[in-house]
Amino acid sequence: NVPALKVVAQVLTGDVLATIVSPHGGELYHLLAAGSSAEVLQQGSVTPTKLLLTAAGSDLLALSPDGQTLYSTDYMEGLWATSTTTGRVVKMMITQGWVYGMAVSPDGSTIYANLGGTRMAKVNASTGAIEKTISLPAQGQYYTVAITPAGDKLYVLGSSTGLNNTLVIDTSTLAITATIAGAGGSGLAISPSGKLSISARLPQSMSSRPPPIRSLVRSP
């Protein structure tokens, strides 16, 4: 059962490519289409309080569980780490593939990245080293990645216009353990209780790049 939703405020931000909520729920990060930056809004405010540097050309965001690091991706196989305190880029990692989706482990030590819809990679968040990769079936048709609150499983969303399924991956072995048929879409999120939500919105085009909406955001 989904509770009724209502608009409580409207914020003028310009073109936004991605949005993510801080782990404590007090801040909202908007990735702006104009320039390599993300603006920060405090809960209950419609005025940005900070501007963070992000990867050039990014349309994907992830936050570390402690809220101290914002991750963004570029179109040159780069994964950027930005301090949410200073707004400066503190690290750039090479992923060896265009990141279609990513999720950070609950302890913040690992980034799981979907590389071009063809591979899933386990990336060390401290060193940037790729520790393990696996190939994905029906290559090129998987996008958004979400991780369970316990950090034991990944969900990788397949396109609703093609595969129409979602993969379940064990994070310890990076092995595909299940396929959820009829559960494709263009965005997914996992609640604190572990329930999976999937956006059924169809992307305009999936021939040359990931769909325009690849994630849902939730407050803690």
N, C-alpha and C. Protein backbone atom coordinates (compact mmCIF):
# COMPACT_ATOMS: atom_id res chain seq x y z
N ASN A 1 0.83 -1.19 0.00
CA ASN A 1 0.00 0.00 0.00
C ASN A 1 0.87 1.25 0.00
N VAL A 2 0.60 2.16 -0.91
CA VAL A 2 1.37 3.40 -1.02
C VAL A 2 0.57 4.54 -0.44
N PRO A 3 1.12 5.28 0.54
CA PRO A 3 0.37 6.39 1.14
C PRO A 3 0.17 7.50 0.13
N ALA A 4 -0.89 8.30 0.35
CA ALA A 4 -1.17 9.43 -0.55
C ALA A 4 -0.04 10.45 -0.46
N LEU A 5 0.34 11.00 -1.60
CA LEU A 5 1.42 11.97 -1.66
C LEU A 5 0.84 13.34 -1.98
N LYS A 6 1.47 14.37 -1.46
CA LYS A 6 1.05 15.72 -1.79
C LYS A 6 2.26 16.63 -1.89
N VAL A 7 2.17 17.66 -2.71
CA VAL A 7 3.25 18.62 -2.88
C VAL A 7 3.25 19.56 -1.68
N VAL A 8 4.40 19.67 -1.01
CA VAL A 8 4.49 20.53 0.17
C VAL A 8 5.31 21.79 -0.11
N ALA A 9 6.09 21.79 -1.20
CA ALA A 9 6.87 22.97 -1.57
C ALA A 9 7.32 22.83 -3.01
N GLN A 10 7.58 23.96 -3.64
CA GLN A 10 8.09 23.96 -5.00
C GLN A 10 9.38 24.75 -5.03
N VAL A 11 10.41 24.16 -5.64
CA VAL A 11 11.72 24.78 -5.68
C VAL A 11 12.11 25.04 -7.12
N LEU A 12 12.51 26.27 -7.44
CA LEU A 12 12.98 26.59 -8.77
C LEU A 12 14.48 26.32 -8.84
N THR A 13 14.85 25.30 -9.61
CA THR A 13 16.25 24.88 -9.64
C THR A 13 16.88 24.94 -11.02
N GLY A 14 16.10 25.17 -12.06
CA GLY A 14 16.63 25.01 -13.40
C GLY A 14 16.55 23.54 -13.79
N ASP A 15 17.23 23.17 -14.84
CA ASP A 15 17.20 21.78 -15.30
C ASP A 15 17.97 20.89 -14.34
N VAL A 16 17.32 19.86 -13.84
CA VAL A 16 17.93 18.92 -12.89
C VAL A 16 18.05 17.55 -13.53
N LEU A 17 19.25 16.97 -13.49
CA LEU A 17 19.49 15.66 -14.10
C LEU A 17 19.32 14.51 -13.11
N ALA A 18 19.55 14.77 -11.84
CA ALA A 18 19.42 13.73 -10.82
C ALA A 18 19.19 14.39 -9.47
N THR A 19 18.54 13.66 -8.58
CA THR A 19 18.26 14.15 -7.23
C THR A 19 18.49 13.02 -6.24
N ILE A 20 19.06 13.36 -5.08
CA ILE A 20 19.28 12.34 -4.06
C ILE A 20 19.10 12.98 -2.69
N VAL A 21 18.59 12.20 -1.74
CA VAL A 21 18.35 12.67 -0.38
C VAL A 21 19.49 12.21 0.52
N SER A 22 19.92 13.07 1.43
CA SER A 22 20.99 12.71 2.36
C SER A 22 20.54 11.58 3.28
N PRO A 23 21.48 10.80 3.83
CA PRO A 23 21.10 9.68 4.70
C PRO A 23 20.25 10.08 5.90
N HIS A 24 20.48 11.27 6.44
CA HIS A 24 19.69 11.72 7.60
C HIS A 24 18.39 12.40 7.19
N GLY A 25 18.20 12.60 5.89
CA GLY A 25 16.95 13.18 5.40
C GLY A 25 16.86 14.68 5.48
N GLY A 26 17.93 15.35 5.91
CA GLY A 26 17.86 16.79 6.11
C GLY A 26 18.27 17.62 4.91
N GLU A 27 18.87 16.97 3.90
CA GLU A 27 19.35 17.72 2.75
C GLU A 27 18.96 17.03 1.45
N LEU A 28 18.81 17.84 0.41
CA LEU A 28 18.47 17.34 -0.91
C LEU A 28 19.54 17.84 -1.88
N TYR A 29 20.09 16.92 -2.67
CA TYR A 29 21.14 17.27 -3.63
C TYR A 29 20.55 17.23 -5.04
N HIS A 30 20.69 18.33 -5.77
CA HIS A 30 20.23 18.43 -7.15
C HIS A 30 21.45 18.49 -8.07
N LEU A 31 21.54 17.60 -9.03
CA LEU A 31 22.60 17.67 -10.03
C LEU A 31 22.10 18.54 -11.18
N LEU A 32 22.77 19.64 -11.42
CA LEU A 32 22.30 20.63 -12.38
C LEU A 32 22.79 20.32 -13.79
N ALA A 33 21.92 20.55 -14.76
CA ALA A 33 22.28 20.30 -16.16
C ALA A 33 23.29 21.33 -16.65
N ALA A 34 23.19 22.55 -16.13
CA ALA A 34 24.10 23.61 -16.55
C ALA A 34 25.34 23.62 -15.66
N GLY A 35 26.45 23.11 -16.18
CA GLY A 35 27.70 23.10 -15.42
C GLY A 35 27.91 21.81 -14.64
N SER A 36 29.12 21.64 -14.14
CA SER A 36 29.49 20.43 -13.40
C SER A 36 29.33 20.70 -11.91
N SER A 37 28.09 20.71 -11.44
CA SER A 37 27.85 21.05 -10.05
C SER A 37 26.53 20.48 -9.55
N ALA A 38 26.43 20.38 -8.24
CA ALA A 38 25.20 19.97 -7.56
C ALA A 38 24.91 20.98 -6.48
N GLU A 39 23.64 21.40 -6.36
CA GLU A 39 23.27 22.34 -5.32
C GLU A 39 22.62 21.59 -4.17
N VAL A 40 22.76 22.15 -2.98
CA VAL A 40 22.27 21.52 -1.76
C VAL A 40 21.15 22.36 -1.16
N LEU A 41 20.03 21.71 -0.85
CA LEU A 41 18.91 22.39 -0.20
C LEU A 41 18.66 21.75 1.15
N GLN A 42 18.47 22.57 2.17
CA GLN A 42 18.13 22.08 3.50
C GLN A 42 16.65 21.73 3.54
N GLN A 43 16.30 20.77 4.39
CA GLN A 43 14.91 20.38 4.54
C GLN A 43 14.06 21.58 4.93
N GLY A 44 12.95 21.78 4.21
CA GLY A 44 12.05 22.88 4.51
C GLY A 44 12.43 24.20 3.88
N SER A 45 13.57 24.23 3.15
CA SER A 45 14.02 25.46 2.52
C SER A 45 13.94 25.33 1.00
N VAL A 46 13.70 26.45 0.34
CA VAL A 46 13.66 26.45 -1.13
C VAL A 46 14.86 27.20 -1.70
N THR A 47 15.81 27.57 -0.84
CA THR A 47 17.00 28.30 -1.26
C THR A 47 18.24 27.42 -1.11
N PRO A 48 18.99 27.20 -2.19
CA PRO A 48 20.22 26.40 -2.10
C PRO A 48 21.21 27.01 -1.11
N THR A 49 21.86 26.16 -0.33
CA THR A 49 22.80 26.64 0.68
C THR A 49 24.25 26.40 0.29
N LYS A 50 24.47 25.55 -0.71
CA LYS A 50 25.84 25.18 -1.07
C LYS A 50 25.87 24.67 -2.50
N LEU A 51 27.03 24.81 -3.15
CA LEU A 51 27.23 24.29 -4.48
C LEU A 51 28.45 23.37 -4.45
N LEU A 52 28.28 22.15 -4.94
CA LEU A 52 29.36 21.16 -4.94
C LEU A 52 29.85 20.90 -6.36
N LEU A 53 31.14 20.70 -6.52
CA LEU A 53 31.69 20.33 -7.81
C LEU A 53 31.43 18.85 -8.08
N THR A 54 31.03 18.53 -9.30
CA THR A 54 30.77 17.14 -9.68
C THR A 54 31.44 16.84 -11.01
N ALA A 55 31.33 15.58 -11.42
CA ALA A 55 31.92 15.17 -12.69
C ALA A 55 31.26 15.90 -13.85
N ALA A 56 32.06 16.22 -14.87
CA ALA A 56 31.54 16.87 -16.06
C ALA A 56 30.63 15.91 -16.83
N GLY A 57 29.45 16.40 -17.19
CA GLY A 57 28.53 15.57 -17.97
C GLY A 57 27.82 14.50 -17.16
N SER A 58 27.85 14.61 -15.85
CA SER A 58 27.23 13.57 -15.02
C SER A 58 25.71 13.65 -15.04
N ASP A 59 25.06 12.50 -14.93
CA ASP A 59 23.61 12.48 -14.72
C ASP A 59 23.25 11.40 -13.70
N LEU A 60 24.20 11.11 -12.81
CA LEU A 60 24.00 10.05 -11.83
C LEU A 60 24.69 10.43 -10.53
N LEU A 61 24.01 10.24 -9.40
CA LEU A 61 24.55 10.57 -8.08
C LEU A 61 24.40 9.40 -7.12
N ALA A 62 25.31 9.34 -6.14
CA ALA A 62 25.19 8.42 -5.01
C ALA A 62 25.86 9.09 -3.82
N LEU A 63 25.38 8.77 -2.62
CA LEU A 63 25.95 9.33 -1.39
C LEU A 63 26.50 8.22 -0.51
N SER A 64 27.61 8.51 0.18
CA SER A 64 28.11 7.57 1.18
C SER A 64 27.12 7.54 2.34
N PRO A 65 27.04 6.43 3.08
CA PRO A 65 26.07 6.32 4.17
C PRO A 65 26.23 7.39 5.25
N ASP A 66 27.45 7.91 5.43
CA ASP A 66 27.64 8.96 6.44
C ASP A 66 27.34 10.35 5.89
N GLY A 67 27.01 10.42 4.60
CA GLY A 67 26.67 11.70 4.00
C GLY A 67 27.84 12.61 3.73
N GLN A 68 29.07 12.12 3.91
CA GLN A 68 30.25 12.96 3.76
C GLN A 68 30.79 13.02 2.34
N THR A 69 30.40 12.05 1.50
CA THR A 69 30.94 11.97 0.14
C THR A 69 29.82 11.82 -0.88
N LEU A 70 29.86 12.66 -1.90
CA LEU A 70 28.91 12.58 -3.01
C LEU A 70 29.65 12.01 -4.22
N TYR A 71 29.10 10.95 -4.79
CA TYR A 71 29.72 10.33 -5.96
C TYR A 71 28.95 10.72 -7.22
N SER A 72 29.70 11.03 -8.28
CA SER A 72 29.11 11.34 -9.58
C SER A 72 29.95 10.70 -10.67
N THR A 73 29.37 10.57 -11.85
CA THR A 73 30.07 9.88 -12.94
C THR A 73 30.13 10.76 -14.18
N ASP A 74 31.17 10.53 -14.99
CA ASP A 74 31.27 11.26 -16.26
C ASP A 74 31.15 10.26 -17.42
N TYR A 75 31.29 10.77 -18.63
CA TYR A 75 31.15 9.92 -19.81
C TYR A 75 32.50 9.38 -20.29
N MET A 76 33.53 9.54 -19.46
CA MET A 76 34.86 9.07 -19.83
C MET A 76 35.35 8.01 -18.84
N GLU A 77 34.42 7.21 -18.31
CA GLU A 77 34.73 6.11 -17.40
C GLU A 77 35.29 6.59 -16.06
N GLY A 78 34.90 7.81 -15.67
CA GLY A 78 35.37 8.35 -14.40
C GLY A 78 34.29 8.34 -13.33
N LEU A 79 34.69 8.07 -12.10
CA LEU A 79 33.82 8.11 -10.93
C LEU A 79 34.43 9.10 -9.96
N TRP A 80 33.73 10.20 -9.71
CA TRP A 80 34.26 11.29 -8.91
C TRP A 80 33.69 11.26 -7.49
N ALA A 81 34.55 11.58 -6.52
CA ALA A 81 34.14 11.68 -5.12
C ALA A 81 34.30 13.12 -4.67
N THR A 82 33.21 13.71 -4.17
CA THR A 82 33.21 15.10 -3.74
C THR A 82 32.89 15.19 -2.26
N SER A 83 33.64 15.99 -1.53
CA SER A 83 33.35 16.21 -0.11
C SER A 83 32.11 17.08 0.01
N THR A 84 31.11 16.62 0.75
CA THR A 84 29.90 17.42 0.95
C THR A 84 30.15 18.56 1.94
N THR A 85 31.27 18.52 2.64
CA THR A 85 31.63 19.58 3.58
C THR A 85 32.29 20.76 2.87
N THR A 86 33.29 20.45 2.03
CA THR A 86 34.03 21.50 1.35
C THR A 86 33.51 21.80 -0.05
N GLY A 87 32.80 20.84 -0.64
CA GLY A 87 32.32 21.00 -2.01
C GLY A 87 33.36 20.70 -3.05
N ARG A 88 34.54 20.27 -2.64
CA ARG A 88 35.65 20.00 -3.57
C ARG A 88 35.74 18.52 -3.92
N VAL A 89 36.24 18.27 -5.13
CA VAL A 89 36.48 16.89 -5.55
C VAL A 89 37.72 16.37 -4.84
N VAL A 90 37.59 15.25 -4.15
CA VAL A 90 38.69 14.69 -3.37
C VAL A 90 39.31 13.46 -4.02
N LYS A 91 38.62 12.89 -5.01
CA LYS A 91 39.16 11.69 -5.64
C LYS A 91 38.48 11.45 -6.98
N MET A 92 39.24 10.91 -7.94
CA MET A 92 38.65 10.48 -9.20
C MET A 92 39.13 9.06 -9.48
N MET A 93 38.17 8.17 -9.74
CA MET A 93 38.48 6.76 -9.98
C MET A 93 38.12 6.39 -11.41
N ILE A 94 38.88 5.49 -12.00
CA ILE A 94 38.62 5.02 -13.36
C ILE A 94 37.87 3.69 -13.26
N THR A 95 36.69 3.63 -13.86
CA THR A 95 35.84 2.45 -13.71
C THR A 95 35.96 1.45 -14.87
N GLN A 96 36.65 1.85 -15.94
CA GLN A 96 36.80 0.99 -17.12
C GLN A 96 35.46 0.69 -17.79
N GLY A 97 34.56 1.65 -17.72
CA GLY A 97 33.26 1.51 -18.35
C GLY A 97 32.35 2.66 -17.95
N TRP A 98 31.41 3.01 -18.83
CA TRP A 98 30.43 4.06 -18.56
C TRP A 98 29.46 3.56 -17.49
N VAL A 99 29.33 4.28 -16.39
CA VAL A 99 28.51 3.83 -15.26
C VAL A 99 27.03 4.13 -15.53
N TYR A 100 26.24 3.06 -15.65
CA TYR A 100 24.80 3.19 -15.86
C TYR A 100 24.04 3.29 -14.54
N GLY A 101 24.61 2.75 -13.48
CA GLY A 101 23.97 2.77 -12.17
C GLY A 101 24.99 2.43 -11.11
N MET A 102 24.78 2.91 -9.87
CA MET A 102 25.73 2.58 -8.80
C MET A 102 25.04 2.64 -7.44
N ALA A 103 25.63 1.93 -6.49
CA ALA A 103 25.14 1.92 -5.12
C ALA A 103 26.33 1.77 -4.18
N VAL A 104 26.22 2.38 -3.01
CA VAL A 104 27.30 2.33 -2.02
C VAL A 104 26.90 1.39 -0.89
N SER A 105 27.85 0.56 -0.45
CA SER A 105 27.57 -0.39 0.64
C SER A 105 27.25 0.37 1.92
N PRO A 106 26.49 -0.24 2.86
CA PRO A 106 26.11 0.43 4.09
C PRO A 106 27.29 0.91 4.94
N ASP A 107 28.44 0.25 4.83
CA ASP A 107 29.60 0.69 5.60
C ASP A 107 30.46 1.69 4.82
N GLY A 108 30.07 2.00 3.58
CA GLY A 108 30.78 3.00 2.79
C GLY A 108 32.07 2.54 2.15
N SER A 109 32.42 1.27 2.32
CA SER A 109 33.72 0.79 1.84
C SER A 109 33.72 0.40 0.37
N THR A 110 32.54 0.12 -0.18
CA THR A 110 32.46 -0.43 -1.53
C THR A 110 31.42 0.31 -2.37
N ILE A 111 31.77 0.54 -3.63
CA ILE A 111 30.82 1.08 -4.61
C ILE A 111 30.56 -0.02 -5.63
N TYR A 112 29.30 -0.33 -5.84
CA TYR A 112 28.92 -1.32 -6.86
C TYR A 112 28.45 -0.55 -8.09
N ALA A 113 29.14 -0.77 -9.20
CA ALA A 113 28.87 0.01 -10.41
C ALA A 113 28.49 -0.88 -11.57
N ASN A 114 27.40 -0.52 -12.22
CA ASN A 114 26.96 -1.19 -13.45
C ASN A 114 27.68 -0.51 -14.61
N LEU A 115 28.60 -1.22 -15.24
CA LEU A 115 29.43 -0.64 -16.28
C LEU A 115 28.84 -0.93 -17.66
N GLY A 116 28.22 0.07 -18.23
CA GLY A 116 27.70 -0.03 -19.59
C GLY A 116 26.60 -1.03 -19.78
N GLY A 117 25.97 -1.48 -18.68
CA GLY A 117 24.92 -2.48 -18.79
C GLY A 117 25.46 -3.86 -19.14
N THR A 118 26.79 -4.01 -19.15
CA THR A 118 27.39 -5.28 -19.54
C THR A 118 28.10 -5.99 -18.39
N ARG A 119 28.56 -5.20 -17.39
CA ARG A 119 29.31 -5.77 -16.27
C ARG A 119 28.91 -5.10 -14.96
N MET A 120 28.99 -5.85 -13.87
CA MET A 120 28.84 -5.30 -12.54
C MET A 120 30.21 -5.34 -11.87
N ALA A 121 30.65 -4.20 -11.34
CA ALA A 121 31.97 -4.10 -10.74
C ALA A 121 31.88 -3.78 -9.25
N LYS A 122 32.80 -4.35 -8.50
CA LYS A 122 32.95 -4.06 -7.08
C LYS A 122 34.17 -3.17 -6.93
N VAL A 123 33.95 -1.90 -6.53
CA VAL A 123 35.02 -0.91 -6.49
C VAL A 123 35.34 -0.53 -5.04
N ASN A 124 36.62 -0.56 -4.70
CA ASN A 124 37.05 -0.14 -3.37
C ASN A 124 36.93 1.38 -3.28
N ALA A 125 36.11 1.87 -2.38
CA ALA A 125 35.84 3.30 -2.29
C ALA A 125 37.06 4.10 -1.82
N SER A 126 37.97 3.47 -1.11
CA SER A 126 39.15 4.17 -0.60
C SER A 126 40.25 4.28 -1.64
N THR A 127 40.50 3.17 -2.35
CA THR A 127 41.60 3.14 -3.30
C THR A 127 41.17 3.34 -4.75
N GLY A 128 39.90 3.09 -5.03
CA GLY A 128 39.42 3.18 -6.41
C GLY A 128 39.69 1.92 -7.21
N ALA A 129 40.27 0.92 -6.58
CA ALA A 129 40.61 -0.32 -7.30
C ALA A 129 39.35 -1.15 -7.56
N ILE A 130 39.28 -1.73 -8.75
CA ILE A 130 38.19 -2.65 -9.08
C ILE A 130 38.57 -4.02 -8.56
N GLU A 131 37.85 -4.51 -7.57
CA GLU A 131 38.21 -5.76 -6.91
C GLU A 131 37.63 -6.99 -7.60
N LYS A 132 36.49 -6.80 -8.30
CA LYS A 132 35.87 -7.93 -8.96
C LYS A 132 34.83 -7.45 -9.96
N THR A 133 34.65 -8.18 -11.04
CA THR A 133 33.60 -7.87 -12.01
C THR A 133 32.92 -9.16 -12.44
N ILE A 134 31.66 -9.05 -12.85
CA ILE A 134 30.95 -10.17 -13.46
C ILE A 134 30.24 -9.65 -14.70
N SER A 135 29.98 -10.52 -15.65
CA SER A 135 29.22 -10.14 -16.84
C SER A 135 27.73 -10.23 -16.55
N LEU A 136 26.97 -9.32 -17.13
CA LEU A 136 25.52 -9.34 -16.99
C LEU A 136 24.90 -9.98 -18.24
N PRO A 137 23.83 -10.73 -18.06
CA PRO A 137 23.16 -11.33 -19.23
C PRO A 137 22.46 -10.25 -20.06
N ALA A 138 22.14 -10.57 -21.30
CA ALA A 138 21.47 -9.62 -22.20
C ALA A 138 22.15 -8.27 -22.11
N GLN A 139 23.43 -8.27 -22.42
CA GLN A 139 24.29 -7.13 -22.16
C GLN A 139 23.77 -5.83 -22.77
N GLY A 140 23.88 -4.76 -21.95
CA GLY A 140 23.50 -3.43 -22.38
C GLY A 140 22.07 -3.05 -22.04
N GLN A 141 21.33 -3.94 -21.38
CA GLN A 141 19.93 -3.63 -21.11
C GLN A 141 19.61 -3.55 -19.62
N TYR A 142 20.64 -3.42 -18.78
CA TYR A 142 20.43 -3.25 -17.34
C TYR A 142 20.96 -1.88 -16.93
N TYR A 143 20.27 -1.24 -15.96
CA TYR A 143 20.58 0.14 -15.64
C TYR A 143 20.74 0.37 -14.13
N THR A 144 19.70 0.87 -13.48
CA THR A 144 19.78 1.30 -12.09
C THR A 144 20.19 0.17 -11.15
N VAL A 145 20.97 0.55 -10.12
CA VAL A 145 21.42 -0.39 -9.10
C VAL A 145 20.97 0.09 -7.73
N ALA A 146 20.46 -0.80 -6.91
CA ALA A 146 20.08 -0.48 -5.53
C ALA A 146 20.59 -1.58 -4.62
N ILE A 147 20.91 -1.22 -3.38
CA ILE A 147 21.44 -2.18 -2.42
C ILE A 147 20.51 -2.26 -1.21
N THR A 148 20.39 -3.44 -0.63
CA THR A 148 19.53 -3.63 0.53
C THR A 148 20.14 -2.95 1.76
N PRO A 149 19.32 -2.61 2.74
CA PRO A 149 19.84 -1.98 3.97
C PRO A 149 20.91 -2.82 4.66
N ALA A 150 20.80 -4.14 4.55
CA ALA A 150 21.79 -5.02 5.17
C ALA A 150 23.06 -5.12 4.34
N GLY A 151 23.00 -4.68 3.08
CA GLY A 151 24.17 -4.72 2.22
C GLY A 151 24.49 -6.07 1.64
N ASP A 152 23.55 -7.02 1.75
CA ASP A 152 23.84 -8.37 1.29
C ASP A 152 23.39 -8.64 -0.15
N LYS A 153 22.52 -7.78 -0.69
CA LYS A 153 22.01 -8.00 -2.04
C LYS A 153 21.98 -6.71 -2.84
N LEU A 154 22.19 -6.88 -4.15
CA LEU A 154 22.00 -5.79 -5.10
C LEU A 154 20.81 -6.12 -5.98
N TYR A 155 20.06 -5.10 -6.36
CA TYR A 155 19.03 -5.24 -7.37
C TYR A 155 19.46 -4.42 -8.58
N VAL A 156 19.44 -5.03 -9.75
CA VAL A 156 19.86 -4.36 -10.97
C VAL A 156 18.68 -4.38 -11.93
N LEU A 157 18.21 -3.19 -12.29
CA LEU A 157 16.97 -3.06 -13.04
C LEU A 157 17.16 -3.24 -14.54
N GLY A 158 16.34 -4.11 -15.13
CA GLY A 158 16.34 -4.29 -16.57
C GLY A 158 15.33 -3.36 -17.22
N SER A 159 15.51 -3.09 -18.51
CA SER A 159 14.62 -2.17 -19.21
C SER A 159 13.21 -2.73 -19.30
N SER A 160 12.24 -1.84 -19.13
CA SER A 160 10.84 -2.27 -19.20
C SER A 160 10.40 -2.52 -20.63
N THR A 161 11.14 -1.98 -21.59
CA THR A 161 10.77 -2.16 -23.00
C THR A 161 11.43 -3.39 -23.62
N GLY A 162 12.36 -4.01 -22.88
CA GLY A 162 13.06 -5.16 -23.43
C GLY A 162 13.00 -6.35 -22.50
N LEU A 163 13.92 -6.38 -21.55
CA LEU A 163 14.03 -7.53 -20.65
C LEU A 163 12.85 -7.65 -19.71
N ASN A 164 12.43 -6.50 -19.15
CA ASN A 164 11.34 -6.45 -18.19
C ASN A 164 11.58 -7.37 -17.00
N ASN A 165 12.80 -7.32 -16.47
CA ASN A 165 13.09 -8.08 -15.26
C ASN A 165 14.15 -7.36 -14.43
N THR A 166 14.38 -7.88 -13.22
CA THR A 166 15.38 -7.32 -12.32
C THR A 166 16.26 -8.45 -11.80
N LEU A 167 17.58 -8.22 -11.83
CA LEU A 167 18.52 -9.20 -11.32
C LEU A 167 18.75 -9.01 -9.82
N VAL A 168 18.97 -10.11 -9.12
CA VAL A 168 19.36 -10.08 -7.71
C VAL A 168 20.78 -10.63 -7.62
N ILE A 169 21.69 -9.85 -7.03
CA ILE A 169 23.10 -10.23 -6.97
C ILE A 169 23.57 -10.28 -5.53
N ASP A 170 24.26 -11.34 -5.17
CA ASP A 170 24.86 -11.49 -3.84
C ASP A 170 26.11 -10.62 -3.78
N THR A 171 26.20 -9.71 -2.82
CA THR A 171 27.32 -8.78 -2.77
C THR A 171 28.63 -9.44 -2.33
N SER A 172 28.56 -10.53 -1.60
CA SER A 172 29.78 -11.18 -1.14
C SER A 172 30.48 -11.94 -2.26
N THR A 173 29.71 -12.53 -3.15
CA THR A 173 30.28 -13.31 -4.24
C THR A 173 30.14 -12.63 -5.60
N LEU A 174 29.30 -11.61 -5.67
CA LEU A 174 28.96 -10.93 -6.91
C LEU A 174 28.36 -11.90 -7.92
N ALA A 175 27.62 -12.88 -7.40
CA ALA A 175 26.96 -13.86 -8.26
C ALA A 175 25.48 -13.52 -8.37
N ILE A 176 24.92 -13.73 -9.56
CA ILE A 176 23.49 -13.53 -9.77
C ILE A 176 22.74 -14.70 -9.15
N THR A 177 21.89 -14.40 -8.19
CA THR A 177 21.20 -15.46 -7.45
C THR A 177 19.74 -15.64 -7.86
N ALA A 178 19.17 -14.63 -8.51
CA ALA A 178 17.77 -14.72 -8.91
C ALA A 178 17.46 -13.69 -9.98
N THR A 179 16.39 -13.93 -10.72
CA THR A 179 15.87 -12.98 -11.70
C THR A 179 14.38 -12.80 -11.42
N ILE A 180 13.97 -11.56 -11.19
CA ILE A 180 12.57 -11.26 -10.91
C ILE A 180 11.89 -10.89 -12.23
N ALA A 181 11.10 -11.80 -12.76
CA ALA A 181 10.44 -11.58 -14.05
C ALA A 181 9.33 -10.55 -13.93
N GLY A 182 9.10 -9.79 -14.99
CA GLY A 182 8.02 -8.81 -15.01
C GLY A 182 8.27 -7.61 -14.14
N ALA A 183 9.53 -7.37 -13.77
CA ALA A 183 9.85 -6.27 -12.86
C ALA A 183 10.86 -5.32 -13.48
N GLY A 184 10.67 -4.99 -14.77
CA GLY A 184 11.52 -4.02 -15.41
C GLY A 184 10.98 -2.62 -15.22
N GLY A 185 11.76 -1.61 -15.54
CA GLY A 185 11.32 -0.23 -15.40
C GLY A 185 12.45 0.72 -15.69
N SER A 186 12.33 1.94 -15.18
CA SER A 186 13.38 2.94 -15.40
C SER A 186 13.94 3.51 -14.10
N GLY A 187 13.50 3.02 -12.96
CA GLY A 187 14.04 3.48 -11.69
C GLY A 187 13.61 2.57 -10.56
N LEU A 188 14.44 2.42 -9.54
CA LEU A 188 14.06 1.62 -8.39
C LEU A 188 14.70 2.17 -7.12
N ALA A 189 14.10 1.83 -6.00
CA ALA A 189 14.61 2.22 -4.69
C ALA A 189 14.22 1.15 -3.69
N ILE A 190 14.97 1.09 -2.59
CA ILE A 190 14.68 0.12 -1.54
C ILE A 190 14.42 0.87 -0.24
N SER A 191 13.32 0.55 0.42
CA SER A 191 12.95 1.20 1.67
C SER A 191 13.84 0.68 2.80
N PRO A 192 13.86 1.37 3.96
CA PRO A 192 14.65 0.89 5.10
C PRO A 192 14.28 -0.52 5.55
N SER A 193 13.03 -0.94 5.25
CA SER A 193 12.61 -2.29 5.63
C SER A 193 12.97 -3.32 4.58
N GLY A 194 13.54 -2.86 3.46
CA GLY A 194 13.96 -3.78 2.42
C GLY A 194 12.97 -3.98 1.29
N LYS A 195 11.87 -3.22 1.28
CA LYS A 195 10.88 -3.37 0.22
C LYS A 195 11.35 -2.66 -1.05
N LEU A 196 11.11 -3.30 -2.18
CA LEU A 196 11.57 -2.80 -3.46
C LEU A 196 10.47 -2.00 -4.15
N SER A 197 10.81 -0.80 -4.65
CA SER A 197 9.88 0.02 -5.42
C SER A 197 10.47 0.24 -6.80
N ILE A 198 9.65 0.07 -7.84
CA ILE A 198 10.12 0.21 -9.22
C ILE A 198 9.26 1.23 -9.95
N SER A 199 9.92 2.15 -10.64
CA SER A 199 9.22 3.11 -11.48
C SER A 199 8.97 2.47 -12.84
N ALA A 200 7.74 2.51 -13.29
CA ALA A 200 7.39 1.86 -14.56
C ALA A 200 7.45 2.83 -15.73
N ARG A 201 7.89 4.05 -15.49
CA ARG A 201 7.95 5.02 -16.58
C ARG A 201 8.85 4.52 -17.69
N LEU A 202 8.40 4.61 -18.92
CA LEU A 202 9.17 4.16 -20.06
C LEU A 202 10.10 5.27 -20.54
N PRO A 203 11.38 4.97 -20.77
CA PRO A 203 12.29 5.97 -21.30
C PRO A 203 11.95 6.29 -22.75
N GLN A 204 12.31 7.51 -23.17
CA GLN A 204 12.04 7.91 -24.54
C GLN A 204 12.90 7.14 -25.53
N SER A 205 14.14 6.88 -25.16
CA SER A 205 15.02 6.15 -26.05
C SER A 205 16.03 5.37 -25.23
N MET A 206 16.32 4.16 -25.64
CA MET A 206 17.30 3.37 -24.94
C MET A 206 18.35 2.85 -25.91
N SER A 207 18.43 3.44 -27.07
CA SER A 207 19.32 2.93 -28.09
C SER A 207 20.77 3.36 -27.91
N SER A 208 21.00 4.55 -27.36
CA SER A 208 22.36 5.05 -27.32
C SER A 208 22.84 5.45 -25.93
N ARG A 209 21.92 5.55 -24.94
CA ARG A 209 22.33 5.95 -23.60
C ARG A 209 21.28 5.50 -22.60
N PRO A 210 21.62 5.51 -21.30
CA PRO A 210 20.65 5.11 -20.29
C PRO A 210 19.43 6.01 -20.31
N PRO A 211 18.28 5.54 -19.80
CA PRO A 211 17.08 6.35 -19.78
C PRO A 211 17.26 7.59 -18.93
N PRO A 212 16.49 8.65 -19.18
CA PRO A 212 16.68 9.91 -18.49
C PRO A 212 16.42 9.86 -16.99
N ILE A 213 15.55 8.97 -16.55
CA ILE A 213 15.32 8.81 -15.11
C ILE A 213 15.76 7.41 -14.72
N ARG A 214 16.81 7.34 -13.87
CA ARG A 214 17.35 6.03 -13.56
C ARG A 214 17.30 5.71 -12.07
N SER A 215 16.72 6.59 -11.28
CA SER A 215 16.66 6.28 -9.85
C SER A 215 15.50 6.99 -9.20
N LEU A 216 15.04 6.43 -8.10
CA LEU A 216 14.07 7.08 -7.25
C LEU A 216 14.76 7.46 -5.97
N VAL A 217 14.27 8.47 -5.26
CA VAL A 217 14.87 8.86 -4.00
C VAL A 217 13.84 8.70 -2.90
N ARG A 218 14.28 8.43 -1.72
CA ARG A 218 13.40 8.28 -0.59
C ARG A 218 14.05 8.95 0.61
N SER A 219 13.24 9.40 1.56
CA SER A 219 13.79 9.91 2.80
C SER A 219 14.02 8.74 3.73
N PRO A 220 15.01 8.84 4.62
CA PRO A 220 15.30 7.73 5.54
C PRO A 220 14.11 7.44 6.46
